[in-house]
PDB file of all heavy atoms in Angstrom:
ATOM      1  N   ARG A   1       6.581 -10.906 -10.841  1.00  0.00           N
ATOM      2  CA  ARG A   1       7.150 -12.151 -10.419  1.00  0.00           C
ATOM      3  C   ARG A   1       6.337 -13.328 -10.957  1.00  0.00           C
ATOM      4  O   ARG A   1       5.156 -13.511 -10.549  1.00  0.00           O
ATOM      5  CB  ARG A   1       7.168 -12.252  -8.911  1.00  0.00           C
ATOM      6  CG  ARG A   1       8.161 -11.306  -8.342  1.00  0.00           C
ATOM      7  CD  ARG A   1       8.543 -11.587  -6.924  1.00  0.00           C
ATOM      8  NE  ARG A   1       8.712 -12.948  -6.593  1.00  0.00           N
ATOM      9  CZ  ARG A   1       8.623 -13.430  -5.318  1.00  0.00           C
ATOM     10  NH1 ARG A   1       8.477 -12.616  -4.376  1.00  0.00           N
ATOM     11  NH2 ARG A   1       8.806 -14.660  -5.079  1.00  0.00           N
ATOM     12  N   PRO A   2       6.873 -14.127 -11.944  1.00  0.00           N
ATOM     13  CA  PRO A   2       6.109 -15.167 -12.437  1.00  0.00           C
ATOM     14  C   PRO A   2       5.937 -16.404 -11.519  1.00  0.00           C
ATOM     15  O   PRO A   2       5.021 -17.184 -11.830  1.00  0.00           O
ATOM     16  CB  PRO A   2       7.062 -15.637 -13.557  1.00  0.00           C
ATOM     17  CG  PRO A   2       8.390 -15.201 -13.278  1.00  0.00           C
ATOM     18  CD  PRO A   2       8.187 -13.954 -12.429  1.00  0.00           C
ATOM     19  N   ASP A   3       6.653 -16.478 -10.375  1.00  0.00           N
ATOM     20  CA  ASP A   3       6.477 -17.607  -9.517  1.00  0.00           C
ATOM     21  C   ASP A   3       5.282 -17.464  -8.483  1.00  0.00           C
ATOM     22  O   ASP A   3       4.994 -18.434  -7.766  1.00  0.00           O
ATOM     23  CB  ASP A   3       7.839 -17.745  -8.749  1.00  0.00           C
ATOM     24  CG  ASP A   3       8.184 -16.576  -7.947  1.00  0.00           C
ATOM     25  OD1 ASP A   3       7.967 -15.404  -8.420  1.00  0.00           O
ATOM     26  OD2 ASP A   3       8.697 -16.676  -6.870  1.00  0.00           O
ATOM     27  N   ILE A   4       4.624 -16.453  -8.447  1.00  0.00           N
ATOM     28  CA  ILE A   4       3.530 -16.224  -7.541  1.00  0.00           C
ATOM     29  C   ILE A   4       2.287 -16.803  -8.111  1.00  0.00           C
ATOM     30  O   ILE A   4       1.989 -16.633  -9.362  1.00  0.00           O
ATOM     31  CB  ILE A   4       3.302 -14.744  -7.213  1.00  0.00           C
ATOM     32  CG1 ILE A   4       4.530 -14.133  -6.539  1.00  0.00           C
ATOM     33  CG2 ILE A   4       2.012 -14.467  -6.332  1.00  0.00           C
ATOM     34  CD1 ILE A   4       4.453 -12.637  -6.220  1.00  0.00           C
ATOM     35  N   GLU A   5       1.589 -17.607  -7.297  1.00  0.00           N
ATOM     36  CA  GLU A   5       0.436 -18.420  -7.739  1.00  0.00           C
ATOM     37  C   GLU A   5      -0.892 -17.898  -7.320  1.00  0.00           C
ATOM     38  O   GLU A   5      -1.942 -18.242  -7.856  1.00  0.00           O
ATOM     39  CB  GLU A   5       0.665 -19.873  -7.421  1.00  0.00           C
ATOM     40  CG  GLU A   5       1.839 -20.508  -8.030  1.00  0.00           C
ATOM     41  CD  GLU A   5       2.110 -21.985  -7.655  1.00  0.00           C
ATOM     42  OE1 GLU A   5       1.094 -22.499  -6.945  1.00  0.00           O
ATOM     43  OE2 GLU A   5       3.074 -22.492  -7.987  1.00  0.00           O
ATOM     44  N   ALA A   6      -0.902 -17.124  -6.242  1.00  0.00           N
ATOM     45  CA  ALA A   6      -2.187 -16.679  -5.714  1.00  0.00           C
ATOM     46  C   ALA A   6      -2.000 -15.272  -5.142  1.00  0.00           C
ATOM     47  O   ALA A   6      -0.965 -14.800  -4.724  1.00  0.00           O
ATOM     48  CB  ALA A   6      -2.722 -17.521  -4.667  1.00  0.00           C
ATOM     49  N   LEU A   7      -3.129 -14.501  -5.141  1.00  0.00           N
ATOM     50  CA  LEU A   7      -3.160 -13.158  -4.555  1.00  0.00           C
ATOM     51  C   LEU A   7      -4.246 -13.095  -3.627  1.00  0.00           C
ATOM     52  O   LEU A   7      -5.367 -13.462  -3.967  1.00  0.00           O
ATOM     53  CB  LEU A   7      -3.365 -12.084  -5.696  1.00  0.00           C
ATOM     54  CG  LEU A   7      -3.358 -10.614  -5.313  1.00  0.00           C
ATOM     55  CD1 LEU A   7      -2.079 -10.158  -4.679  1.00  0.00           C
ATOM     56  CD2 LEU A   7      -3.607  -9.842  -6.555  1.00  0.00           C
ATOM     57  N   PHE A   8      -4.071 -12.612  -2.411  1.00  0.00           N
ATOM     58  CA  PHE A   8      -5.071 -12.565  -1.407  1.00  0.00           C
ATOM     59  C   PHE A   8      -5.502 -11.049  -1.270  1.00  0.00           C
ATOM     60  O   PHE A   8      -4.577 -10.155  -1.281  1.00  0.00           O
ATOM     61  CB  PHE A   8      -4.636 -13.000  -0.035  1.00  0.00           C
ATOM     62  CG  PHE A   8      -4.523 -14.506   0.032  1.00  0.00           C
ATOM     63  CD1 PHE A   8      -3.460 -15.157  -0.587  1.00  0.00           C
ATOM     64  CD2 PHE A   8      -5.504 -15.236   0.649  1.00  0.00           C
ATOM     65  CE1 PHE A   8      -3.508 -16.600  -0.529  1.00  0.00           C
ATOM     66  CE2 PHE A   8      -5.476 -16.657   0.753  1.00  0.00           C
ATOM     67  CZ  PHE A   8      -4.458 -17.301   0.152  1.00  0.00           C
ATOM     68  N   ALA A   9      -6.792 -10.730  -1.227  1.00  0.00           N
ATOM     69  CA  ALA A   9      -7.314  -9.473  -1.150  1.00  0.00           C
ATOM     70  C   ALA A   9      -8.443  -9.320  -0.204  1.00  0.00           C
ATOM     71  O   ALA A   9      -9.216 -10.404  -0.119  1.00  0.00           O
ATOM     72  CB  ALA A   9      -7.573  -8.889  -2.499  1.00  0.00           C
ATOM     73  N   SER A  10      -8.693  -8.294   0.390  1.00  0.00           N
ATOM     74  CA  SER A  10      -9.951  -8.095   1.184  1.00  0.00           C
ATOM     75  C   SER A  10     -11.034  -7.473   0.202  1.00  0.00           C
ATOM     76  O   SER A  10     -10.714  -7.137  -0.880  1.00  0.00           O
ATOM     77  CB  SER A  10      -9.664  -7.103   2.311  1.00  0.00           C
ATOM     78  OG  SER A  10      -9.455  -5.748   1.863  1.00  0.00           O
ATOM     79  N   GLU A  11     -12.228  -7.394   0.696  1.00  0.00           N
ATOM     80  CA  GLU A  11     -13.261  -6.769  -0.091  1.00  0.00           C
ATOM     81  C   GLU A  11     -12.875  -5.355  -0.377  1.00  0.00           C
ATOM     82  O   GLU A  11     -13.187  -4.783  -1.428  1.00  0.00           O
ATOM     83  CB  GLU A  11     -14.631  -6.738   0.683  1.00  0.00           C
ATOM     84  CG  GLU A  11     -15.127  -8.074   0.951  1.00  0.00           C
ATOM     85  CD  GLU A  11     -15.339  -8.451   2.448  1.00  0.00           C
ATOM     86  OE1 GLU A  11     -14.693  -7.692   3.263  1.00  0.00           O
ATOM     87  OE2 GLU A  11     -16.013  -9.414   2.760  1.00  0.00           O
ATOM     88  N   GLU A  12     -12.084  -4.705   0.482  1.00  0.00           N
ATOM     89  CA  GLU A  12     -11.733  -3.353   0.431  1.00  0.00           C
ATOM     90  C   GLU A  12     -10.663  -3.244  -0.802  1.00  0.00           C
ATOM     91  O   GLU A  12     -10.558  -2.215  -1.388  1.00  0.00           O
ATOM     92  CB  GLU A  12     -11.167  -2.885   1.671  1.00  0.00           C
ATOM     93  CG  GLU A  12     -10.837  -1.444   1.782  1.00  0.00           C
ATOM     94  CD  GLU A  12     -10.469  -1.150   3.267  1.00  0.00           C
ATOM     95  OE1 GLU A  12      -9.343  -1.527   3.652  1.00  0.00           O
ATOM     96  OE2 GLU A  12     -11.215  -0.434   3.968  1.00  0.00           O
ATOM     97  N   THR A  13      -9.785  -4.205  -0.947  1.00  0.00           N
ATOM     98  CA  THR A  13      -8.700  -4.102  -1.903  1.00  0.00           C
ATOM     99  C   THR A  13      -8.947  -4.916  -3.187  1.00  0.00           C
ATOM    100  O   THR A  13      -8.020  -5.037  -4.002  1.00  0.00           O
ATOM    101  CB  THR A  13      -7.472  -4.556  -1.280  1.00  0.00           C
ATOM    102  OG1 THR A  13      -7.495  -5.993  -0.909  1.00  0.00           O
ATOM    103  CG2 THR A  13      -6.955  -3.659  -0.103  1.00  0.00           C
ATOM    104  N   PHE A  14     -10.116  -5.413  -3.354  1.00  0.00           N
ATOM    105  CA  PHE A  14     -10.507  -6.347  -4.493  1.00  0.00           C
ATOM    106  C   PHE A  14     -10.279  -5.649  -5.884  1.00  0.00           C
ATOM    107  O   PHE A  14      -9.730  -6.268  -6.757  1.00  0.00           O
ATOM    108  CB  PHE A  14     -11.939  -6.818  -4.309  1.00  0.00           C
ATOM    109  CG  PHE A  14     -12.507  -7.548  -5.446  1.00  0.00           C
ATOM    110  CD1 PHE A  14     -12.094  -8.842  -5.711  1.00  0.00           C
ATOM    111  CD2 PHE A  14     -13.309  -7.019  -6.367  1.00  0.00           C
ATOM    112  CE1 PHE A  14     -12.536  -9.622  -6.754  1.00  0.00           C
ATOM    113  CE2 PHE A  14     -13.857  -7.695  -7.372  1.00  0.00           C
ATOM    114  CZ  PHE A  14     -13.455  -8.983  -7.662  1.00  0.00           C
ATOM    115  N   LEU A  15     -10.677  -4.389  -6.040  1.00  0.00           N
ATOM    116  CA  LEU A  15     -10.521  -3.753  -7.289  1.00  0.00           C
ATOM    117  C   LEU A  15      -9.043  -3.535  -7.643  1.00  0.00           C
ATOM    118  O   LEU A  15      -8.678  -3.716  -8.840  1.00  0.00           O
ATOM    119  CB  LEU A  15     -11.334  -2.482  -7.245  1.00  0.00           C
ATOM    120  CG  LEU A  15     -12.806  -2.526  -7.222  1.00  0.00           C
ATOM    121  CD1 LEU A  15     -13.518  -1.172  -7.222  1.00  0.00           C
ATOM    122  CD2 LEU A  15     -13.335  -3.349  -8.334  1.00  0.00           C
ATOM    123  N   GLY A  16      -8.248  -3.192  -6.615  1.00  0.00           N
ATOM    124  CA  GLY A  16      -6.921  -3.050  -6.857  1.00  0.00           C
ATOM    125  C   GLY A  16      -6.194  -4.495  -7.303  1.00  0.00           C
ATOM    126  O   GLY A  16      -5.353  -4.492  -8.172  1.00  0.00           O
ATOM    127  N   ALA A  17      -6.692  -5.570  -6.728  1.00  0.00           N
ATOM    128  CA  ALA A  17      -6.196  -6.867  -7.021  1.00  0.00           C
ATOM    129  C   ALA A  17      -6.577  -7.233  -8.491  1.00  0.00           C
ATOM    130  O   ALA A  17      -5.761  -7.872  -9.203  1.00  0.00           O
ATOM    131  CB  ALA A  17      -6.718  -7.916  -6.085  1.00  0.00           C
ATOM    132  N   LEU A  18      -7.687  -6.824  -8.906  1.00  0.00           N
ATOM    133  CA  LEU A  18      -8.068  -7.105 -10.293  1.00  0.00           C
ATOM    134  C   LEU A  18      -7.140  -6.338 -11.261  1.00  0.00           C
ATOM    135  O   LEU A  18      -6.860  -6.923 -12.262  1.00  0.00           O
ATOM    136  CB  LEU A  18      -9.608  -6.678 -10.543  1.00  0.00           C
ATOM    137  CG  LEU A  18     -10.627  -7.578  -9.969  1.00  0.00           C
ATOM    138  CD1 LEU A  18     -12.004  -6.943 -10.224  1.00  0.00           C
ATOM    139  CD2 LEU A  18     -10.566  -8.999 -10.450  1.00  0.00           C
ATOM    140  N   LYS A  19      -6.723  -5.174 -10.868  1.00  0.00           N
ATOM    141  CA  LYS A  19      -5.841  -4.411 -11.720  1.00  0.00           C
ATOM    142  C   LYS A  19      -4.533  -5.078 -11.796  1.00  0.00           C
ATOM    143  O   LYS A  19      -3.908  -5.208 -12.932  1.00  0.00           O
ATOM    144  CB  LYS A  19      -5.697  -2.982 -11.168  1.00  0.00           C
ATOM    145  CG  LYS A  19      -6.900  -2.135 -11.355  1.00  0.00           C
ATOM    146  CD  LYS A  19      -6.632  -0.784 -10.728  1.00  0.00           C
ATOM    147  CE  LYS A  19      -7.977   0.109 -10.782  1.00  0.00           C
ATOM    148  NZ  LYS A  19      -7.721   1.416 -10.113  1.00  0.00           N
ATOM    149  N   VAL A  20      -4.075  -5.680 -10.730  1.00  0.00           N
ATOM    150  CA  VAL A  20      -2.814  -6.454 -10.700  1.00  0.00           C
ATOM    151  C   VAL A  20      -2.958  -7.610 -11.616  1.00  0.00           C
ATOM    152  O   VAL A  20      -2.063  -7.905 -12.461  1.00  0.00           O
ATOM    153  CB  VAL A  20      -2.519  -6.960  -9.302  1.00  0.00           C
ATOM    154  CG1 VAL A  20      -1.306  -7.871  -9.256  1.00  0.00           C
ATOM    155  CG2 VAL A  20      -2.108  -5.711  -8.365  1.00  0.00           C
ATOM    156  N   LEU A  21      -4.007  -8.402 -11.563  1.00  0.00           N
ATOM    157  CA  LEU A  21      -4.158  -9.520 -12.416  1.00  0.00           C
ATOM    158  C   LEU A  21      -4.233  -9.109 -13.929  1.00  0.00           C
ATOM    159  O   LEU A  21      -3.669  -9.830 -14.720  1.00  0.00           O
ATOM    160  CB  LEU A  21      -5.523 -10.323 -12.109  1.00  0.00           C
ATOM    161  CG  LEU A  21      -5.513 -10.900 -10.704  1.00  0.00           C
ATOM    162  CD1 LEU A  21      -6.854 -11.633 -10.539  1.00  0.00           C
ATOM    163  CD2 LEU A  21      -4.379 -11.831 -10.516  1.00  0.00           C
ATOM    164  N   ARG A  22      -4.965  -8.128 -14.271  1.00  0.00           N
ATOM    165  CA  ARG A  22      -4.989  -7.593 -15.643  1.00  0.00           C
ATOM    166  C   ARG A  22      -3.529  -7.096 -16.120  1.00  0.00           C
ATOM    167  O   ARG A  22      -3.162  -7.408 -17.266  1.00  0.00           O
ATOM    168  CB  ARG A  22      -5.917  -6.402 -15.820  1.00  0.00           C
ATOM    169  CG  ARG A  22      -7.414  -6.834 -15.824  1.00  0.00           C
ATOM    170  CD  ARG A  22      -8.274  -5.710 -16.371  1.00  0.00           C
ATOM    171  NE  ARG A  22      -8.292  -4.581 -15.455  1.00  0.00           N
ATOM    172  CZ  ARG A  22      -9.157  -4.381 -14.480  1.00  0.00           C
ATOM    173  NH1 ARG A  22     -10.129  -5.314 -14.268  1.00  0.00           N
ATOM    174  NH2 ARG A  22      -9.109  -3.342 -13.710  1.00  0.00           N
ATOM    175  N   GLU A  23      -2.773  -6.531 -15.253  1.00  0.00           N
ATOM    176  CA  GLU A  23      -1.501  -6.105 -15.550  1.00  0.00           C
ATOM    177  C   GLU A  23      -0.592  -7.299 -15.783  1.00  0.00           C
ATOM    178  O   GLU A  23       0.307  -7.290 -16.683  1.00  0.00           O
ATOM    179  CB  GLU A  23      -0.851  -5.142 -14.510  1.00  0.00           C
ATOM    180  CG  GLU A  23       0.422  -4.605 -14.888  1.00  0.00           C
ATOM    181  CD  GLU A  23       0.612  -3.809 -16.159  1.00  0.00           C
ATOM    182  OE1 GLU A  23      -0.488  -3.280 -16.688  1.00  0.00           O
ATOM    183  OE2 GLU A  23       1.638  -3.600 -16.635  1.00  0.00           O
ATOM    184  N   ARG A  24      -0.675  -8.383 -15.101  1.00  0.00           N
ATOM    185  CA  ARG A  24       0.156  -9.574 -15.181  1.00  0.00           C
ATOM    186  C   ARG A  24      -0.171 -10.084 -16.596  1.00  0.00           C
ATOM    187  O   ARG A  24       0.772 -10.462 -17.328  1.00  0.00           O
ATOM    188  CB  ARG A  24      -0.246 -10.601 -14.129  1.00  0.00           C
ATOM    189  CG  ARG A  24       0.430 -10.422 -12.837  1.00  0.00           C
ATOM    190  CD  ARG A  24      -0.004 -11.475 -11.848  1.00  0.00           C
ATOM    191  NE  ARG A  24       0.410 -12.799 -12.323  1.00  0.00           N
ATOM    192  CZ  ARG A  24       1.667 -13.302 -12.020  1.00  0.00           C
ATOM    193  NH1 ARG A  24       2.544 -12.600 -11.281  1.00  0.00           N
ATOM    194  NH2 ARG A  24       1.994 -14.490 -12.416  1.00  0.00           N
ATOM    195  N   ILE A  25      -1.422 -10.185 -16.956  1.00  0.00           N
ATOM    196  CA  ILE A  25      -1.791 -10.779 -18.296  1.00  0.00           C
ATOM    197  C   ILE A  25      -1.232  -9.835 -19.381  1.00  0.00           C
ATOM    198  O   ILE A  25      -0.708 -10.405 -20.302  1.00  0.00           O
ATOM    199  CB  ILE A  25      -3.292 -10.976 -18.341  1.00  0.00           C
ATOM    200  CG1 ILE A  25      -3.772 -12.087 -17.426  1.00  0.00           C
ATOM    201  CG2 ILE A  25      -3.703 -11.315 -19.779  1.00  0.00           C
ATOM    202  CD1 ILE A  25      -5.205 -12.093 -17.205  1.00  0.00           C
TER     203      ILE A  25
END
């Protein structure tokens, strides 16, 4: 989804969030 501007993550899900950001790019 190109319209999402921010992703919230906990310390526990931080690495997964980084994977999401890399995949978006």
